[in-house]
């Protein structure tokens, strides 16, 4: 082979290097944002489970909602890392005020107990 025949492979080598660099950069970006994404996924899953439970059962207390969110976990596809609810009380401390503020649920007082109700 002559020198000019070897030059015909240069574009292919450059394209392979570019593809490798893009995949590597995407992996770095994904790893850097993984904690935030996992928190968002877990919060969304918690909102969904709480809304379904309230819709099905009617008014529920905080204690009853702790049982609903106690086993929740979230993980991204193609990743070993995940996040799970360790302390349902702390999780609900951040989730319930958010849901009330977004008008997804209502907070009421019935028989001197605070209950949460699905808002239509």
C-alpha atoms as a PDB file:
ATOM      1  CA  UNK A   1       0.000   0.000   0.000  1.00  0.00           C
ATOM      2  CA  UNK A   2       1.135   3.484  -0.741  1.00  0.00           C
ATOM      3  CA  UNK A   3       1.089   6.490   1.493  1.00  0.00           C
ATOM      4  CA  UNK A   4      -2.038   7.924  -0.197  1.00  0.00           C
ATOM      5  CA  UNK A   5      -3.982   4.733   0.327  1.00  0.00           C
ATOM      6  CA  UNK A   6      -3.359   4.998   4.073  1.00  0.00           C
ATOM      7  CA  UNK A   7      -4.715   8.557   4.038  1.00  0.00           C
ATOM      8  CA  UNK A   8      -8.127   7.251   2.981  1.00  0.00           C
ATOM      9  CA  UNK A   9      -8.527   5.777   6.503  1.00  0.00           C
ATOM     10  CA  UNK A  10      -7.992   9.103   8.302  1.00  0.00           C
ATOM     11  CA  UNK A  11     -11.647  10.286   8.099  1.00  0.00           C
ATOM     12  CA  UNK A  12     -12.841   6.985   9.587  1.00  0.00           C
ATOM     13  CA  UNK A  13     -10.380   7.209  12.460  1.00  0.00           C
ATOM     14  CA  UNK A  14     -11.436  10.811  13.121  1.00  0.00           C
ATOM     15  CA  UNK A  15     -15.129   9.873  13.099  1.00  0.00           C
ATOM     16  CA  UNK A  16     -14.463   7.040  15.554  1.00  0.00           C
ATOM     17  CA  UNK A  17     -12.549   9.430  17.842  1.00  0.00           C
ATOM     18  CA  UNK A  18     -15.382  11.976  17.654  1.00  0.00           C
ATOM     19  CA  UNK A  19     -18.012   9.358  18.489  1.00  0.00           C
ATOM     20  CA  UNK A  20     -15.935   8.132  21.435  1.00  0.00           C
ATOM     21  CA  UNK A  21     -15.519  11.684  22.742  1.00  0.00           C
ATOM     22  CA  UNK A  22     -19.260  12.376  22.510  1.00  0.00           C
ATOM     23  CA  UNK A  23     -20.170   9.179  24.366  1.00  0.00           C
ATOM     24  CA  UNK A  24     -17.603   9.951  27.059  1.00  0.00           C
ATOM     25  CA  UNK A  25     -18.885  13.530  27.482  1.00  0.00           C
ATOM     26  CA  UNK A  26     -22.479  12.302  27.741  1.00  0.00           C
ATOM     27  CA  UNK A  27     -21.439   9.819  30.436  1.00  0.00           C
ATOM     28  CA  UNK A  28     -19.681  12.535  32.443  1.00  0.00           C
ATOM     29  CA  UNK A  29     -22.686  14.842  32.202  1.00  0.00           C
ATOM     30  CA  UNK A  30     -25.042  12.062  33.258  1.00  0.00           C
ATOM     31  CA  UNK A  31     -22.867  11.071  36.225  1.00  0.00           C
ATOM     32  CA  UNK A  32     -22.612  14.679  37.396  1.00  0.00           C
ATOM     33  CA  UNK A  33     -26.401  15.209  37.309  1.00  0.00           C
ATOM     34  CA  UNK A  34     -27.353  11.777  38.600  1.00  0.00           C
ATOM     35  CA  UNK A  35     -28.082  12.775  42.214  1.00  0.00           C
ATOM     36  CA  UNK A  36     -30.474  15.538  41.155  1.00  0.00           C
ATOM     37  CA  UNK A  37     -32.191  13.303  38.612  1.00  0.00           C
ATOM     38  CA  UNK A  38     -32.659  10.505  41.155  1.00  0.00           C
ATOM     39  CA  UNK A  39     -34.163  12.923  43.693  1.00  0.00           C
ATOM     40  CA  UNK A  40     -36.560  14.233  41.062  1.00  0.00           C
ATOM     41  CA  UNK A  41     -37.559  10.723  40.026  1.00  0.00           C
ATOM     42  CA  UNK A  42     -38.189   9.673  43.626  1.00  0.00           C
ATOM     43  CA  UNK A  43     -40.242  12.798  44.333  1.00  0.00           C
ATOM     44  CA  UNK A  44     -42.358  12.257  41.224  1.00  0.00           C
ATOM     45  CA  UNK A  45     -42.906   8.641  42.200  1.00  0.00           C
ATOM     46  CA  UNK A  46     -43.899   9.729  45.713  1.00  0.00           C
ATOM     47  CA  UNK A  47     -46.387  12.280  44.384  1.00  0.00           C
ATOM     48  CA  UNK A  48     -47.942   9.642  42.157  1.00  0.00           C
ATOM     49  CA  UNK A  49     -48.265   7.061  44.939  1.00  0.00           C
ATOM     50  CA  UNK A  50     -49.723   9.567  47.422  1.00  0.00           C
ATOM     51  CA  UNK A  51     -52.287  10.814  44.871  1.00  0.00           C
ATOM     52  CA  UNK A  52     -53.341   7.265  43.991  1.00  0.00           C
ATOM     53  CA  UNK A  53     -53.705   6.321  47.657  1.00  0.00           C
ATOM     54  CA  UNK A  54     -55.747   9.424  48.450  1.00  0.00           C
ATOM     55  CA  UNK A  55     -57.944   8.928  45.410  1.00  0.00           C
ATOM     56  CA  UNK A  56     -58.585   5.298  46.340  1.00  0.00           C
ATOM     57  CA  UNK A  57     -58.954   5.608  50.138  1.00  0.00           C
ATOM     58  CA  UNK A  58     -60.234   9.146  50.637  1.00  0.00           C
ATOM     59  CA  UNK A  59     -58.861  11.214  53.523  1.00  0.00           C
ATOM     60  CA  UNK A  60     -55.669   9.840  55.063  1.00  0.00           C
ATOM     61  CA  UNK A  61     -53.488  10.919  57.959  1.00  0.00           C
ATOM     62  CA  UNK A  62     -49.751  11.438  57.781  1.00  0.00           C
ATOM     63  CA  UNK A  63     -49.193   8.132  59.590  1.00  0.00           C
ATOM     64  CA  UNK A  64     -51.193   6.265  56.949  1.00  0.00           C
ATOM     65  CA  UNK A  65     -49.310   8.013  54.147  1.00  0.00           C
ATOM     66  CA  UNK A  66     -45.991   6.920  55.671  1.00  0.00           C
ATOM     67  CA  UNK A  67     -46.954   3.329  54.891  1.00  0.00           C
ATOM     68  CA  UNK A  68     -47.684   4.298  51.288  1.00  0.00           C
ATOM     69  CA  UNK A  69     -44.234   5.827  50.644  1.00  0.00           C
ATOM     70  CA  UNK A  70     -42.128   3.573  52.863  1.00  0.00           C
ATOM     71  CA  UNK A  71     -40.969   1.183  50.138  1.00  0.00           C
ATOM     72  CA  UNK A  72     -40.393   3.612  47.280  1.00  0.00           C
ATOM     73  CA  UNK A  73     -37.187   3.534  45.272  1.00  0.00           C
ATOM     74  CA  UNK A  74     -35.960   4.980  41.977  1.00  0.00           C
ATOM     75  CA  UNK A  75     -33.113   4.237  39.614  1.00  0.00           C
ATOM     76  CA  UNK A  76     -32.061   5.323  36.190  1.00  0.00           C
ATOM     77  CA  UNK A  77     -31.920   2.881  33.304  1.00  0.00           C
ATOM     78  CA  UNK A  78     -28.500   1.347  32.643  1.00  0.00           C
ATOM     79  CA  UNK A  79     -27.196   2.433  36.060  1.00  0.00           C
ATOM     80  CA  UNK A  80     -26.293   0.527  39.201  1.00  0.00           C
ATOM     81  CA  UNK A  81     -27.033   3.504  41.428  1.00  0.00           C
ATOM     82  CA  UNK A  82     -30.445   4.096  42.926  1.00  0.00           C
ATOM     83  CA  UNK A  83     -32.212   5.947  45.704  1.00  0.00           C
ATOM     84  CA  UNK A  84     -34.826   4.760  48.188  1.00  0.00           C
ATOM     85  CA  UNK A  85     -36.926   6.215  50.984  1.00  0.00           C
ATOM     86  CA  UNK A  86     -35.074   5.496  54.228  1.00  0.00           C
ATOM     87  CA  UNK A  87     -37.155   7.695  56.533  1.00  0.00           C
ATOM     88  CA  UNK A  88     -40.788   8.129  55.408  1.00  0.00           C
ATOM     89  CA  UNK A  89     -41.371  10.960  57.903  1.00  0.00           C
ATOM     90  CA  UNK A  90     -38.597  13.121  56.456  1.00  0.00           C
ATOM     91  CA  UNK A  91     -39.673  12.276  52.922  1.00  0.00           C
ATOM     92  CA  UNK A  92     -43.238  13.358  53.655  1.00  0.00           C
ATOM     93  CA  UNK A  93     -41.952  16.527  55.371  1.00  0.00           C
ATOM     94  CA  UNK A  94     -40.764  17.739  51.981  1.00  0.00           C
ATOM     95  CA  UNK A  95     -43.360  16.058  49.769  1.00  0.00           C
ATOM     96  CA  UNK A  96     -46.662  17.024  51.417  1.00  0.00           C
ATOM     97  CA  UNK A  97     -46.049  20.815  51.603  1.00  0.00           C
ATOM     98  CA  UNK A  98     -45.007  20.731  47.946  1.00  0.00           C
ATOM     99  CA  UNK A  99     -48.193  18.899  46.985  1.00  0.00           C
ATOM    100  CA  UNK A 100     -50.369  21.296  48.994  1.00  0.00           C
ATOM    101  CA  UNK A 101     -48.619  24.295  47.438  1.00  0.00           C
ATOM    102  CA  UNK A 102     -49.117  22.872  43.931  1.00  0.00           C
ATOM    103  CA  UNK A 103     -52.802  22.286  44.827  1.00  0.00           C
ATOM    104  CA  UNK A 104     -52.588  18.562  44.142  1.00  0.00           C
ATOM    105  CA  UNK A 105     -53.994  17.722  47.589  1.00  0.00           C
ATOM    106  CA  UNK A 106     -55.721  19.575  50.427  1.00  0.00           C
ATOM    107  CA  UNK A 107     -54.821  19.630  54.090  1.00  0.00           C
ATOM    108  CA  UNK A 108     -57.851  19.534  56.410  1.00  0.00           C
ATOM    109  CA  UNK A 109     -58.473  19.157  60.122  1.00  0.00           C
ATOM    110  CA  UNK A 110     -61.041  16.522  61.060  1.00  0.00           C
ATOM    111  CA  UNK A 111     -61.639  15.389  64.659  1.00  0.00           C
ATOM    112  CA  UNK A 112     -58.508  17.269  65.820  1.00  0.00           C
ATOM    113  CA  UNK A 113     -56.390  15.330  63.287  1.00  0.00           C
ATOM    114  CA  UNK A 114     -54.719  16.677  60.196  1.00  0.00           C
ATOM    115  CA  UNK A 115     -55.771  14.682  57.149  1.00  0.00           C
ATOM    116  CA  UNK A 116     -54.905  14.984  53.497  1.00  0.00           C
ATOM    117  CA  UNK A 117     -57.508  14.758  50.772  1.00  0.00           C
ATOM    118  CA  UNK A 118     -57.203  14.268  47.008  1.00  0.00           C
ATOM    119  CA  UNK A 119     -58.050  17.452  45.164  1.00  0.00           C
ATOM    120  CA  UNK A 120     -59.962  17.066  41.930  1.00  0.00           C
END
